[in-house]
């Protein structure tokens, strides 16, 4: 007889985790991060169990489209954004929000908006964008000095209806590392008034750093 490894997922534990997030950040909305097939746990099942989250965050467009195909009507954030005009079209048709972390993505939005008449920022034809700033992880995101200029270009872009700001913590698992506080301080030096909502905290940031808890939290 052949045996294969199996993992049993405790749905009650997942719901409990979501409840704990609510208690830790009662004034925040929650992106439940279920990228990579909910970290191998099965995206359809986990999305169903975490239906009380305010939205779902995935890594790629393909995951977002799968989640829509499964029937989810929750807000969906694509953490890597999109990179082609066709990808942008599909993301807008699926009513997804987009992270934007590189100049090419900014130009893609601007190009797509060219020729759109004034006021044409309608549902499913314009983007709700999360501008990503690199406050210390040094992996993805615009430099802090670039944020004001990029934000203004996005505000001027007819293809953008909402603009939010996010960053990613580099080492929040280590509560003794001063980097997380430094990242939050760098974030707070940005022109935050230009944005409709803010997000810093991942799971570790949510649990260990109150300074990282903003309008949205992103536990995974």
N, C-alpha and C. Protein backbone atom coordinates (compact mmCIF):
# COMPACT_ATOMS: atom_id res chain seq x y z
N UNK A 1 0.84 -1.19 0.00
CA UNK A 1 0.00 0.00 0.00
C UNK A 1 0.88 1.25 0.00
N UNK A 2 0.52 2.23 -0.82
CA UNK A 2 1.27 3.47 -0.92
C UNK A 2 0.63 4.56 -0.07
N UNK A 3 1.47 5.23 0.69
CA UNK A 3 0.98 6.32 1.53
C UNK A 3 1.57 7.64 1.03
N UNK A 4 0.77 8.65 1.02
CA UNK A 4 1.23 9.99 0.63
C UNK A 4 1.06 10.93 1.82
N UNK A 5 1.97 11.88 1.99
CA UNK A 5 1.84 12.83 3.09
C UNK A 5 0.59 13.68 2.94
N UNK A 6 -0.06 13.97 4.05
CA UNK A 6 -1.27 14.77 4.04
C UNK A 6 -1.20 15.81 5.16
N UNK A 7 -1.89 16.90 4.95
CA UNK A 7 -2.00 17.93 5.98
C UNK A 7 -3.47 18.16 6.28
N UNK A 8 -3.81 18.18 7.54
CA UNK A 8 -5.18 18.47 7.96
C UNK A 8 -5.27 19.91 8.43
N UNK A 9 -6.20 20.66 7.87
CA UNK A 9 -6.35 22.08 8.19
C UNK A 9 -7.53 22.24 9.15
N UNK A 10 -7.26 22.85 10.28
CA UNK A 10 -8.29 23.07 11.29
C UNK A 10 -8.99 24.39 10.97
N UNK A 11 -10.20 24.30 10.42
CA UNK A 11 -10.92 25.50 10.04
C UNK A 11 -11.26 26.36 11.25
N UNK A 12 -11.53 25.73 12.37
CA UNK A 12 -11.83 26.50 13.58
C UNK A 12 -10.62 27.33 14.00
N UNK A 13 -9.42 26.77 13.81
CA UNK A 13 -8.21 27.51 14.15
C UNK A 13 -8.02 28.71 13.23
N UNK A 14 -8.34 28.55 11.95
CA UNK A 14 -8.25 29.68 11.02
C UNK A 14 -9.21 30.79 11.43
N UNK A 15 -10.43 30.41 11.78
CA UNK A 15 -11.40 31.43 12.21
C UNK A 15 -10.94 32.10 13.50
N UNK A 16 -10.35 31.32 14.39
CA UNK A 16 -9.82 31.88 15.63
C UNK A 16 -8.70 32.88 15.34
N UNK A 17 -7.83 32.54 14.40
CA UNK A 17 -6.76 33.45 14.04
C UNK A 17 -7.30 34.78 13.51
N UNK A 18 -8.33 34.70 12.69
CA UNK A 18 -8.94 35.91 12.16
C UNK A 18 -9.55 36.74 13.29
N UNK A 19 -10.19 36.07 14.24
CA UNK A 19 -10.75 36.77 15.39
C UNK A 19 -9.66 37.47 16.20
N UNK A 20 -8.51 36.80 16.35
CA UNK A 20 -7.40 37.41 17.08
C UNK A 20 -6.88 38.65 16.36
N UNK A 21 -6.85 38.59 15.04
CA UNK A 21 -6.43 39.77 14.28
C UNK A 21 -7.41 40.91 14.53
N UNK A 22 -8.70 40.62 14.52
CA UNK A 22 -9.71 41.65 14.78
C UNK A 22 -9.49 42.29 16.16
N UNK A 23 -9.18 41.47 17.13
CA UNK A 23 -8.98 41.99 18.48
C UNK A 23 -7.70 42.81 18.57
N UNK A 24 -6.67 42.42 17.82
CA UNK A 24 -5.40 43.14 17.86
C UNK A 24 -5.46 44.45 17.09
N UNK A 25 -6.32 44.52 16.09
CA UNK A 25 -6.42 45.72 15.26
C UNK A 25 -7.89 46.06 15.03
N UNK A 26 -8.60 46.45 16.08
CA UNK A 26 -10.06 46.62 15.96
C UNK A 26 -10.47 47.77 15.04
N UNK A 27 -9.58 48.71 14.79
CA UNK A 27 -9.93 49.85 13.94
C UNK A 27 -9.43 49.67 12.51
N UNK A 28 -8.82 48.54 12.23
CA UNK A 28 -8.24 48.29 10.90
C UNK A 28 -9.10 47.32 10.11
N UNK A 29 -9.00 47.43 8.81
CA UNK A 29 -9.56 46.41 7.94
C UNK A 29 -8.48 45.38 7.62
N UNK A 30 -8.92 44.20 7.23
CA UNK A 30 -8.00 43.07 7.13
C UNK A 30 -7.94 42.55 5.69
N UNK A 31 -6.72 42.58 5.14
CA UNK A 31 -6.43 41.80 3.93
C UNK A 31 -5.96 40.42 4.41
N UNK A 32 -6.72 39.39 4.19
CA UNK A 32 -6.27 38.03 4.48
C UNK A 32 -5.39 37.58 3.31
N UNK A 33 -4.11 37.40 3.56
CA UNK A 33 -3.17 37.06 2.49
C UNK A 33 -3.22 35.56 2.25
N UNK A 34 -3.69 35.17 1.07
CA UNK A 34 -3.87 33.75 0.75
C UNK A 34 -3.15 33.41 -0.56
N UNK A 35 -2.00 34.04 -0.75
CA UNK A 35 -1.21 33.77 -1.95
C UNK A 35 -0.65 32.35 -1.92
N UNK A 36 -0.12 31.91 -3.05
CA UNK A 36 0.49 30.58 -3.17
C UNK A 36 -0.47 29.49 -2.71
N UNK A 37 -1.71 29.56 -3.26
CA UNK A 37 -2.74 28.58 -2.92
C UNK A 37 -2.96 28.55 -1.41
N UNK A 38 -3.05 29.77 -0.81
CA UNK A 38 -3.19 29.91 0.64
C UNK A 38 -2.05 29.17 1.35
N UNK A 39 -0.83 29.43 0.86
CA UNK A 39 0.38 28.81 1.40
C UNK A 39 0.27 27.28 1.41
N UNK A 40 -0.34 26.76 0.33
CA UNK A 40 -0.47 25.32 0.19
C UNK A 40 -1.67 24.71 0.88
N UNK A 41 -2.50 25.51 1.52
CA UNK A 41 -3.63 24.98 2.27
C UNK A 41 -4.92 24.90 1.47
N UNK A 42 -4.89 25.40 0.24
CA UNK A 42 -6.07 25.35 -0.60
C UNK A 42 -6.83 26.66 -0.60
N UNK A 43 -6.66 27.46 -1.64
CA UNK A 43 -7.24 28.79 -1.66
C UNK A 43 -8.77 28.80 -1.57
N UNK A 44 -9.50 27.95 -2.29
CA UNK A 44 -10.96 28.00 -2.19
C UNK A 44 -11.46 27.74 -0.78
N UNK A 45 -10.93 26.71 -0.13
CA UNK A 45 -11.39 26.38 1.23
C UNK A 45 -11.03 27.48 2.22
N UNK A 46 -9.80 27.97 2.14
CA UNK A 46 -9.37 29.00 3.09
C UNK A 46 -10.14 30.29 2.87
N UNK A 47 -10.39 30.67 1.63
CA UNK A 47 -11.18 31.87 1.36
C UNK A 47 -12.58 31.73 1.93
N UNK A 48 -13.15 30.55 1.81
CA UNK A 48 -14.49 30.32 2.36
C UNK A 48 -14.48 30.45 3.89
N UNK A 49 -13.47 29.86 4.51
CA UNK A 49 -13.39 29.90 5.97
C UNK A 49 -13.15 31.32 6.47
N UNK A 50 -12.37 32.10 5.72
CA UNK A 50 -12.02 33.46 6.13
C UNK A 50 -12.92 34.50 5.47
N UNK A 51 -14.16 34.12 5.22
CA UNK A 51 -15.08 35.01 4.52
C UNK A 51 -15.36 36.30 5.28
N UNK A 52 -15.09 36.32 6.58
CA UNK A 52 -15.33 37.54 7.36
C UNK A 52 -14.19 38.55 7.25
N UNK A 53 -13.11 38.19 6.57
CA UNK A 53 -12.06 39.18 6.29
C UNK A 53 -12.62 40.27 5.38
N UNK A 54 -12.00 41.43 5.41
CA UNK A 54 -12.49 42.53 4.58
C UNK A 54 -12.08 42.38 3.12
N UNK A 55 -11.04 41.61 2.86
CA UNK A 55 -10.59 41.37 1.50
C UNK A 55 -9.50 40.32 1.49
N UNK A 56 -9.14 39.89 0.29
CA UNK A 56 -8.11 38.88 0.13
C UNK A 56 -6.94 39.47 -0.68
N UNK A 57 -5.73 39.15 -0.27
CA UNK A 57 -4.54 39.55 -1.01
C UNK A 57 -3.88 38.31 -1.59
N UNK A 58 -3.53 38.38 -2.87
CA UNK A 58 -2.86 37.28 -3.56
C UNK A 58 -1.61 37.85 -4.23
N UNK A 59 -0.76 36.98 -4.71
CA UNK A 59 0.48 37.45 -5.31
C UNK A 59 0.29 37.89 -6.75
N UNK A 60 -0.44 37.11 -7.54
CA UNK A 60 -0.44 37.30 -8.99
C UNK A 60 -1.86 37.40 -9.54
N UNK A 61 -1.95 37.94 -10.74
CA UNK A 61 -3.23 38.08 -11.43
C UNK A 61 -3.93 36.74 -11.55
N UNK A 62 -3.18 35.70 -11.91
CA UNK A 62 -3.80 34.38 -12.10
C UNK A 62 -4.51 33.91 -10.84
N UNK A 63 -3.92 34.17 -9.69
CA UNK A 63 -4.56 33.79 -8.43
C UNK A 63 -5.85 34.58 -8.21
N UNK A 64 -5.81 35.87 -8.53
CA UNK A 64 -7.00 36.70 -8.37
C UNK A 64 -8.14 36.21 -9.26
N UNK A 65 -7.81 35.86 -10.51
CA UNK A 65 -8.84 35.38 -11.43
C UNK A 65 -9.41 34.04 -10.96
N UNK A 66 -8.56 33.19 -10.41
CA UNK A 66 -9.05 31.92 -9.84
C UNK A 66 -10.00 32.19 -8.69
N UNK A 67 -9.64 33.14 -7.84
CA UNK A 67 -10.48 33.44 -6.68
C UNK A 67 -11.84 33.98 -7.14
N UNK A 68 -11.86 34.80 -8.15
CA UNK A 68 -13.14 35.26 -8.70
C UNK A 68 -13.92 34.09 -9.29
N UNK A 69 -13.22 33.19 -9.97
CA UNK A 69 -13.90 32.04 -10.57
C UNK A 69 -14.51 31.14 -9.51
N UNK A 70 -13.90 31.12 -8.31
CA UNK A 70 -14.46 30.34 -7.21
C UNK A 70 -15.70 31.00 -6.62
N UNK A 71 -15.98 32.23 -7.04
CA UNK A 71 -17.20 32.90 -6.59
C UNK A 71 -17.00 33.99 -5.56
N UNK A 72 -15.76 34.30 -5.19
CA UNK A 72 -15.53 35.34 -4.19
C UNK A 72 -15.88 36.72 -4.75
N UNK A 73 -16.61 37.49 -3.96
CA UNK A 73 -16.94 38.87 -4.33
C UNK A 73 -16.26 39.87 -3.40
N UNK A 74 -15.36 39.40 -2.58
CA UNK A 74 -14.61 40.28 -1.70
C UNK A 74 -13.62 41.13 -2.49
N UNK A 75 -13.21 42.27 -1.95
CA UNK A 75 -12.09 42.98 -2.56
C UNK A 75 -10.86 42.08 -2.67
N UNK A 76 -10.13 42.17 -3.77
CA UNK A 76 -8.92 41.39 -3.98
C UNK A 76 -7.78 42.35 -4.33
N UNK A 77 -6.66 42.19 -3.64
CA UNK A 77 -5.46 42.97 -3.91
C UNK A 77 -4.41 42.06 -4.54
N UNK A 78 -3.89 42.46 -5.70
CA UNK A 78 -2.82 41.72 -6.37
C UNK A 78 -1.49 42.34 -5.94
N UNK A 79 -0.72 41.62 -5.14
CA UNK A 79 0.44 42.20 -4.48
C UNK A 79 1.60 42.50 -5.42
N UNK A 80 1.72 41.78 -6.52
CA UNK A 80 2.78 42.11 -7.46
C UNK A 80 2.29 43.04 -8.56
N UNK A 81 1.01 43.36 -8.56
CA UNK A 81 0.45 44.21 -9.61
C UNK A 81 0.36 43.48 -10.93
N UNK A 82 0.28 44.24 -12.01
CA UNK A 82 0.24 43.67 -13.36
C UNK A 82 1.30 44.35 -14.21
N UNK A 83 1.63 43.72 -15.33
CA UNK A 83 2.78 44.16 -16.11
C UNK A 83 2.48 44.37 -17.59
N UNK A 84 1.27 44.05 -18.02
CA UNK A 84 0.91 44.20 -19.43
C UNK A 84 -0.46 44.86 -19.54
N UNK A 85 -0.74 45.41 -20.72
CA UNK A 85 -2.04 46.02 -20.96
C UNK A 85 -3.16 44.99 -20.83
N UNK A 86 -2.92 43.78 -21.31
CA UNK A 86 -3.94 42.74 -21.19
C UNK A 86 -4.14 42.35 -19.72
N UNK A 87 -3.04 42.27 -18.96
CA UNK A 87 -3.18 41.99 -17.54
C UNK A 87 -3.96 43.06 -16.83
N UNK A 88 -3.73 44.32 -17.18
CA UNK A 88 -4.48 45.42 -16.58
C UNK A 88 -5.96 45.31 -16.94
N UNK A 89 -6.25 44.99 -18.18
CA UNK A 89 -7.64 44.85 -18.60
C UNK A 89 -8.34 43.75 -17.81
N UNK A 90 -7.67 42.60 -17.65
CA UNK A 90 -8.27 41.49 -16.91
C UNK A 90 -8.46 41.84 -15.43
N UNK A 91 -7.47 42.52 -14.86
CA UNK A 91 -7.58 42.89 -13.45
C UNK A 91 -8.74 43.85 -13.23
N UNK A 92 -8.92 44.81 -14.13
CA UNK A 92 -10.02 45.75 -13.99
C UNK A 92 -11.36 45.06 -14.20
N UNK A 93 -11.42 44.14 -15.17
CA UNK A 93 -12.66 43.42 -15.41
C UNK A 93 -13.05 42.57 -14.19
N UNK A 94 -12.05 42.10 -13.45
CA UNK A 94 -12.31 41.30 -12.25
C UNK A 94 -12.42 42.16 -10.99
N UNK A 95 -12.36 43.47 -11.15
CA UNK A 95 -12.52 44.42 -10.03
C UNK A 95 -11.46 44.17 -8.96
N UNK A 96 -10.20 44.11 -9.38
CA UNK A 96 -9.09 43.88 -8.46
C UNK A 96 -8.36 45.19 -8.17
N UNK A 97 -7.79 45.27 -6.98
CA UNK A 97 -6.91 46.37 -6.62
C UNK A 97 -5.47 45.96 -6.92
N UNK A 98 -4.62 46.94 -7.20
CA UNK A 98 -3.28 46.65 -7.70
C UNK A 98 -2.22 47.30 -6.85
N UNK A 99 -1.20 46.52 -6.48
CA UNK A 99 0.02 47.11 -5.95
C UNK A 99 0.85 47.63 -7.11
N UNK A 100 1.54 48.75 -6.89
CA UNK A 100 2.37 49.36 -7.92
C UNK A 100 3.72 49.66 -7.29
N UNK A 101 4.77 49.02 -7.81
CA UNK A 101 6.07 49.11 -7.16
C UNK A 101 7.23 49.42 -8.10
N UNK A 102 6.93 49.70 -9.38
CA UNK A 102 8.02 50.01 -10.31
C UNK A 102 7.55 50.98 -11.39
N UNK A 103 8.48 51.75 -11.96
CA UNK A 103 8.09 52.76 -12.95
C UNK A 103 7.33 52.20 -14.14
N UNK A 104 7.66 50.99 -14.58
CA UNK A 104 6.98 50.41 -15.73
C UNK A 104 5.49 50.25 -15.47
N UNK A 105 5.12 49.92 -14.24
CA UNK A 105 3.70 49.78 -13.92
C UNK A 105 3.01 51.14 -13.92
N UNK A 106 3.70 52.16 -13.48
CA UNK A 106 3.15 53.51 -13.52
C UNK A 106 2.89 53.93 -14.96
N UNK A 107 3.87 53.70 -15.83
CA UNK A 107 3.69 54.06 -17.23
C UNK A 107 2.57 53.26 -17.89
N UNK A 108 2.40 52.01 -17.47
CA UNK A 108 1.31 51.19 -18.00
C UNK A 108 -0.04 51.82 -17.70
N UNK A 109 -0.24 52.27 -16.47
CA UNK A 109 -1.49 52.92 -16.11
C UNK A 109 -1.70 54.21 -16.89
N UNK A 110 -0.64 55.00 -17.00
CA UNK A 110 -0.75 56.26 -17.72
C UNK A 110 -1.07 56.03 -19.19
N UNK A 111 -0.43 55.04 -19.80
CA UNK A 111 -0.69 54.73 -21.20
C UNK A 111 -2.12 54.27 -21.41
N UNK A 112 -2.61 53.42 -20.49
CA UNK A 112 -3.98 52.91 -20.60
C UNK A 112 -5.01 54.02 -20.47
N UNK A 113 -4.65 55.08 -19.72
CA UNK A 113 -5.60 56.18 -19.50
C UNK A 113 -5.61 57.19 -20.63
N UNK A 114 -4.63 57.14 -21.52
CA UNK A 114 -4.58 58.12 -22.60
C UNK A 114 -5.81 58.00 -23.51
N UNK A 115 -6.41 59.10 -23.80
CA UNK A 115 -7.59 59.09 -24.65
C UNK A 115 -8.88 58.88 -23.89
N UNK A 116 -8.79 58.60 -22.58
CA UNK A 116 -10.00 58.45 -21.79
C UNK A 116 -10.55 59.83 -21.47
N UNK A 117 -11.83 60.08 -21.70
CA UNK A 117 -12.37 61.42 -21.48
C UNK A 117 -12.37 61.80 -20.01
N UNK A 118 -12.33 63.08 -19.70
CA UNK A 118 -12.37 63.52 -18.30
C UNK A 118 -13.59 62.97 -17.58
N UNK A 119 -13.39 62.56 -16.34
CA UNK A 119 -14.48 62.02 -15.53
C UNK A 119 -14.74 60.55 -15.73
N UNK A 120 -14.03 59.90 -16.65
CA UNK A 120 -14.29 58.49 -16.94
C UNK A 120 -13.51 57.60 -15.98
N UNK A 121 -13.79 57.71 -14.70
CA UNK A 121 -13.19 56.86 -13.68
C UNK A 121 -14.28 55.98 -13.09
N UNK A 122 -14.83 55.13 -13.92
CA UNK A 122 -15.96 54.32 -13.52
C UNK A 122 -15.53 52.96 -13.02
N UNK A 123 -16.42 52.33 -12.23
CA UNK A 123 -16.18 50.99 -11.74
C UNK A 123 -15.80 50.06 -12.89
N UNK A 124 -14.74 49.30 -12.67
CA UNK A 124 -14.22 48.33 -13.63
C UNK A 124 -13.50 48.99 -14.81
N UNK A 125 -13.38 50.32 -14.83
CA UNK A 125 -12.59 50.94 -15.89
C UNK A 125 -11.44 51.76 -15.31
N UNK A 126 -11.31 51.81 -14.00
CA UNK A 126 -10.22 52.54 -13.38
C UNK A 126 -9.68 51.73 -12.21
N UNK A 127 -8.46 52.07 -11.84
CA UNK A 127 -7.73 51.23 -10.89
C UNK A 127 -7.73 51.82 -9.49
N UNK A 128 -7.86 50.93 -8.51
CA UNK A 128 -7.59 51.28 -7.11
C UNK A 128 -6.19 50.78 -6.81
N UNK A 129 -5.29 51.71 -6.61
CA UNK A 129 -3.86 51.43 -6.60
C UNK A 129 -3.29 51.54 -5.19
N UNK A 130 -2.39 50.60 -4.87
CA UNK A 130 -1.60 50.64 -3.64
C UNK A 130 -0.15 50.90 -4.05
N UNK A 131 0.29 52.14 -3.87
CA UNK A 131 1.68 52.49 -4.16
C UNK A 131 2.57 51.88 -3.08
N UNK A 132 3.57 51.13 -3.51
CA UNK A 132 4.46 50.47 -2.55
C UNK A 132 5.77 51.23 -2.44
N UNK A 133 6.14 51.56 -1.20
CA UNK A 133 7.38 52.28 -0.94
C UNK A 133 8.34 51.35 -0.21
N UNK A 134 9.59 51.43 -0.58
CA UNK A 134 10.64 50.63 0.07
C UNK A 134 11.18 51.43 1.25
N UNK A 135 10.77 51.06 2.46
CA UNK A 135 11.24 51.76 3.66
C UNK A 135 12.39 51.04 4.35
N UNK A 136 12.88 49.94 3.75
CA UNK A 136 14.01 49.26 4.37
C UNK A 136 14.16 47.79 4.04
N UNK A 137 13.18 47.22 3.32
CA UNK A 137 13.32 45.81 2.95
C UNK A 137 14.26 45.64 1.76
N UNK A 138 14.28 46.65 0.88
CA UNK A 138 15.18 46.66 -0.28
C UNK A 138 14.91 45.49 -1.23
N UNK A 139 13.63 45.26 -1.46
CA UNK A 139 13.26 44.22 -2.41
C UNK A 139 12.41 44.80 -3.54
N UNK A 140 11.28 45.42 -3.19
CA UNK A 140 10.41 46.03 -4.17
C UNK A 140 9.91 47.36 -3.63
N UNK A 141 9.59 48.27 -4.52
CA UNK A 141 9.00 49.52 -4.09
C UNK A 141 9.80 50.73 -4.54
N UNK A 142 9.11 51.87 -4.56
CA UNK A 142 9.75 53.13 -4.89
C UNK A 142 10.53 53.65 -3.68
N UNK A 143 11.58 54.42 -3.95
CA UNK A 143 12.33 55.06 -2.88
C UNK A 143 11.46 56.13 -2.22
N UNK A 144 11.63 56.37 -0.93
CA UNK A 144 10.82 57.40 -0.27
C UNK A 144 10.87 58.74 -0.97
N UNK A 145 12.01 59.11 -1.51
CA UNK A 145 12.13 60.40 -2.18
C UNK A 145 11.29 60.47 -3.45
N UNK A 146 10.88 59.33 -3.99
CA UNK A 146 10.09 59.30 -5.22
C UNK A 146 8.59 59.34 -4.97
N UNK A 147 8.18 59.12 -3.72
CA UNK A 147 6.76 58.89 -3.44
C UNK A 147 5.89 60.08 -3.81
N UNK A 148 6.27 61.27 -3.44
CA UNK A 148 5.42 62.43 -3.71
C UNK A 148 5.20 62.61 -5.22
N UNK A 149 6.27 62.49 -6.00
CA UNK A 149 6.15 62.66 -7.43
C UNK A 149 5.30 61.58 -8.08
N UNK A 150 5.51 60.32 -7.66
CA UNK A 150 4.72 59.22 -8.21
C UNK A 150 3.26 59.38 -7.82
N UNK A 151 3.02 59.76 -6.56
CA UNK A 151 1.64 59.96 -6.11
C UNK A 151 0.94 61.03 -6.93
N UNK A 152 1.64 62.12 -7.25
CA UNK A 152 1.03 63.17 -8.04
C UNK A 152 0.71 62.68 -9.44
N UNK A 153 1.59 61.91 -10.04
CA UNK A 153 1.30 61.37 -11.37
C UNK A 153 0.09 60.44 -11.33
N UNK A 154 -0.03 59.66 -10.26
CA UNK A 154 -1.19 58.78 -10.14
C UNK A 154 -2.47 59.57 -9.91
N UNK A 155 -2.38 60.63 -9.12
CA UNK A 155 -3.55 61.48 -8.89
C UNK A 155 -3.99 62.15 -10.19
N UNK A 156 -3.05 62.45 -11.07
CA UNK A 156 -3.36 63.09 -12.34
C UNK A 156 -3.82 62.10 -13.40
N UNK A 157 -3.69 60.82 -13.13
CA UNK A 157 -3.99 59.78 -14.11
C UNK A 157 -5.48 59.45 -14.08
N UNK A 158 -6.14 59.58 -15.22
CA UNK A 158 -7.58 59.28 -15.28
C UNK A 158 -7.88 57.81 -15.10
N UNK A 159 -6.86 56.97 -15.17
CA UNK A 159 -7.06 55.55 -14.97
C UNK A 159 -7.03 55.12 -13.52
N UNK A 160 -6.88 56.06 -12.60
CA UNK A 160 -6.78 55.73 -11.17
C UNK A 160 -7.91 56.42 -10.41
N UNK A 161 -8.66 55.65 -9.65
CA UNK A 161 -9.78 56.21 -8.89
C UNK A 161 -9.48 56.32 -7.40
N UNK A 162 -8.62 55.46 -6.86
CA UNK A 162 -8.24 55.51 -5.45
C UNK A 162 -6.74 55.26 -5.36
N UNK A 163 -6.12 55.92 -4.38
CA UNK A 163 -4.68 55.78 -4.20
C UNK A 163 -4.36 55.53 -2.73
N UNK A 164 -3.73 54.40 -2.47
CA UNK A 164 -3.33 54.02 -1.12
C UNK A 164 -1.82 53.83 -1.07
N UNK A 165 -1.27 53.74 0.14
CA UNK A 165 0.17 53.60 0.31
C UNK A 165 0.47 52.41 1.21
N UNK A 166 1.47 51.61 0.81
CA UNK A 166 1.85 50.44 1.59
C UNK A 166 3.35 50.27 1.60
N UNK A 167 3.85 49.54 2.60
CA UNK A 167 5.24 49.11 2.63
C UNK A 167 5.28 47.71 3.21
N UNK A 168 6.46 47.09 3.15
CA UNK A 168 6.60 45.73 3.66
C UNK A 168 7.73 45.69 4.69
N UNK A 169 7.45 45.07 5.82
CA UNK A 169 8.43 45.00 6.90
C UNK A 169 9.46 43.91 6.62
N UNK A 170 10.72 44.23 6.89
CA UNK A 170 11.82 43.33 6.55
C UNK A 170 12.08 42.27 7.61
N UNK A 171 11.89 42.61 8.89
CA UNK A 171 12.31 41.68 9.94
C UNK A 171 11.45 41.83 11.19
N UNK A 172 10.16 41.91 11.01
CA UNK A 172 9.27 42.10 12.16
C UNK A 172 9.19 40.88 13.06
N UNK A 173 9.67 39.72 12.59
CA UNK A 173 9.70 38.54 13.45
C UNK A 173 10.64 38.74 14.64
N UNK A 174 11.62 39.60 14.50
CA UNK A 174 12.58 39.87 15.58
C UNK A 174 12.18 41.17 16.27
N UNK A 175 11.55 41.05 17.41
CA UNK A 175 11.06 42.25 18.09
C UNK A 175 12.18 43.10 18.66
N UNK A 176 13.37 42.56 18.75
CA UNK A 176 14.51 43.33 19.25
C UNK A 176 15.22 44.11 18.15
N UNK A 177 14.87 43.85 16.90
CA UNK A 177 15.52 44.53 15.78
C UNK A 177 14.91 45.93 15.63
N UNK A 178 15.70 46.98 15.71
CA UNK A 178 15.16 48.34 15.60
C UNK A 178 14.69 48.70 14.19
N UNK A 179 14.94 47.83 13.22
CA UNK A 179 14.60 48.16 11.83
C UNK A 179 13.11 48.41 11.66
N UNK A 180 12.26 47.64 12.33
CA UNK A 180 10.82 47.82 12.14
C UNK A 180 10.38 49.21 12.59
N UNK A 181 10.86 49.66 13.74
CA UNK A 181 10.52 51.02 14.18
C UNK A 181 11.08 52.04 13.19
N UNK A 182 12.27 51.79 12.67
CA UNK A 182 12.85 52.71 11.69
C UNK A 182 12.01 52.76 10.41
N UNK A 183 11.48 51.61 10.00
CA UNK A 183 10.64 51.59 8.80
C UNK A 183 9.35 52.37 9.03
N UNK A 184 8.74 52.20 10.21
CA UNK A 184 7.51 52.94 10.51
C UNK A 184 7.78 54.44 10.55
N UNK A 185 8.92 54.83 11.11
CA UNK A 185 9.28 56.25 11.16
C UNK A 185 9.52 56.80 9.76
N UNK A 186 10.17 56.02 8.92
CA UNK A 186 10.39 56.45 7.53
C UNK A 186 9.06 56.60 6.80
N UNK A 187 8.14 55.68 7.05
CA UNK A 187 6.80 55.74 6.45
C UNK A 187 6.09 57.01 6.88
N UNK A 188 6.18 57.35 8.17
CA UNK A 188 5.47 58.51 8.69
C UNK A 188 6.05 59.84 8.21
N UNK A 189 7.26 59.82 7.67
CA UNK A 189 7.84 61.03 7.12
C UNK A 189 7.37 61.30 5.69
N UNK A 190 6.63 60.38 5.12
CA UNK A 190 6.13 60.53 3.76
C UNK A 190 4.89 61.43 3.76
N UNK A 191 4.50 61.98 2.62
CA UNK A 191 3.30 62.83 2.53
C UNK A 191 2.02 62.00 2.58
N UNK A 192 1.69 61.53 3.76
CA UNK A 192 0.58 60.58 3.92
C UNK A 192 -0.76 61.19 3.56
N UNK A 193 -0.86 62.52 3.59
CA UNK A 193 -2.13 63.17 3.27
C UNK A 193 -2.53 62.97 1.80
N UNK A 194 -1.59 62.50 0.98
CA UNK A 194 -1.89 62.28 -0.43
C UNK A 194 -2.65 60.97 -0.67
N UNK A 195 -2.83 60.17 0.36
CA UNK A 195 -3.33 58.81 0.17
C UNK A 195 -4.65 58.59 0.91
N UNK A 196 -5.46 57.70 0.33
CA UNK A 196 -6.78 57.41 0.90
C UNK A 196 -6.73 56.39 2.03
N UNK A 197 -5.70 55.55 2.05
CA UNK A 197 -5.56 54.54 3.10
C UNK A 197 -4.10 54.11 3.17
N UNK A 198 -3.73 53.52 4.30
CA UNK A 198 -2.34 53.14 4.56
C UNK A 198 -2.27 51.69 5.04
N UNK A 199 -1.15 51.02 4.77
CA UNK A 199 -0.95 49.65 5.24
C UNK A 199 0.52 49.37 5.44
N UNK A 200 0.86 48.83 6.62
CA UNK A 200 2.23 48.42 6.92
C UNK A 200 2.26 46.98 7.41
N UNK A 201 1.47 46.64 8.41
CA UNK A 201 1.66 45.42 9.20
C UNK A 201 1.37 44.14 8.43
N UNK A 202 2.35 43.22 8.46
CA UNK A 202 2.13 41.82 8.12
C UNK A 202 1.78 41.10 9.43
N UNK A 203 1.81 39.79 9.45
CA UNK A 203 1.43 39.06 10.66
C UNK A 203 2.32 39.43 11.84
N UNK A 204 3.62 39.40 11.63
CA UNK A 204 4.54 39.69 12.72
C UNK A 204 4.45 41.14 13.16
N UNK A 205 4.29 42.04 12.22
CA UNK A 205 4.13 43.45 12.57
C UNK A 205 2.88 43.70 13.38
N UNK A 206 1.82 43.02 13.01
CA UNK A 206 0.55 43.14 13.73
C UNK A 206 0.69 42.68 15.17
N UNK A 207 1.43 41.61 15.39
CA UNK A 207 1.55 41.02 16.72
C UNK A 207 2.53 41.77 17.61
N UNK A 208 3.56 42.39 17.01
CA UNK A 208 4.62 42.91 17.84
C UNK A 208 4.88 44.40 17.79
N UNK A 209 4.23 45.11 16.84
CA UNK A 209 4.58 46.51 16.63
C UNK A 209 3.33 47.35 16.41
N UNK A 210 2.78 47.94 17.47
CA UNK A 210 1.60 48.79 17.30
C UNK A 210 1.79 49.90 16.29
N UNK A 211 3.02 50.40 16.12
CA UNK A 211 3.26 51.48 15.16
C UNK A 211 2.98 51.05 13.73
N UNK A 212 2.94 49.75 13.48
CA UNK A 212 2.73 49.24 12.12
C UNK A 212 1.26 49.02 11.79
N UNK A 213 0.38 49.19 12.75
CA UNK A 213 -1.04 48.93 12.53
C UNK A 213 -1.69 50.20 11.99
N UNK A 214 -2.13 50.13 10.74
CA UNK A 214 -2.73 51.30 10.08
C UNK A 214 -4.13 50.94 9.57
N UNK A 215 -4.59 51.58 8.51
CA UNK A 215 -5.97 51.39 8.04
C UNK A 215 -6.23 49.94 7.64
N UNK A 216 -5.23 49.30 7.03
CA UNK A 216 -5.35 47.90 6.64
C UNK A 216 -4.15 47.14 7.22
N UNK A 217 -4.39 45.91 7.66
CA UNK A 217 -3.33 45.00 8.06
C UNK A 217 -3.35 43.80 7.11
N UNK A 218 -2.19 43.10 6.99
CA UNK A 218 -2.06 42.07 5.96
C UNK A 218 -1.52 40.76 6.56
N UNK A 219 -2.29 40.11 7.44
CA UNK A 219 -1.80 38.83 7.99
C UNK A 219 -1.90 37.73 6.96
N UNK A 220 -0.94 36.80 7.04
CA UNK A 220 -0.94 35.67 6.10
C UNK A 220 -0.72 34.37 6.82
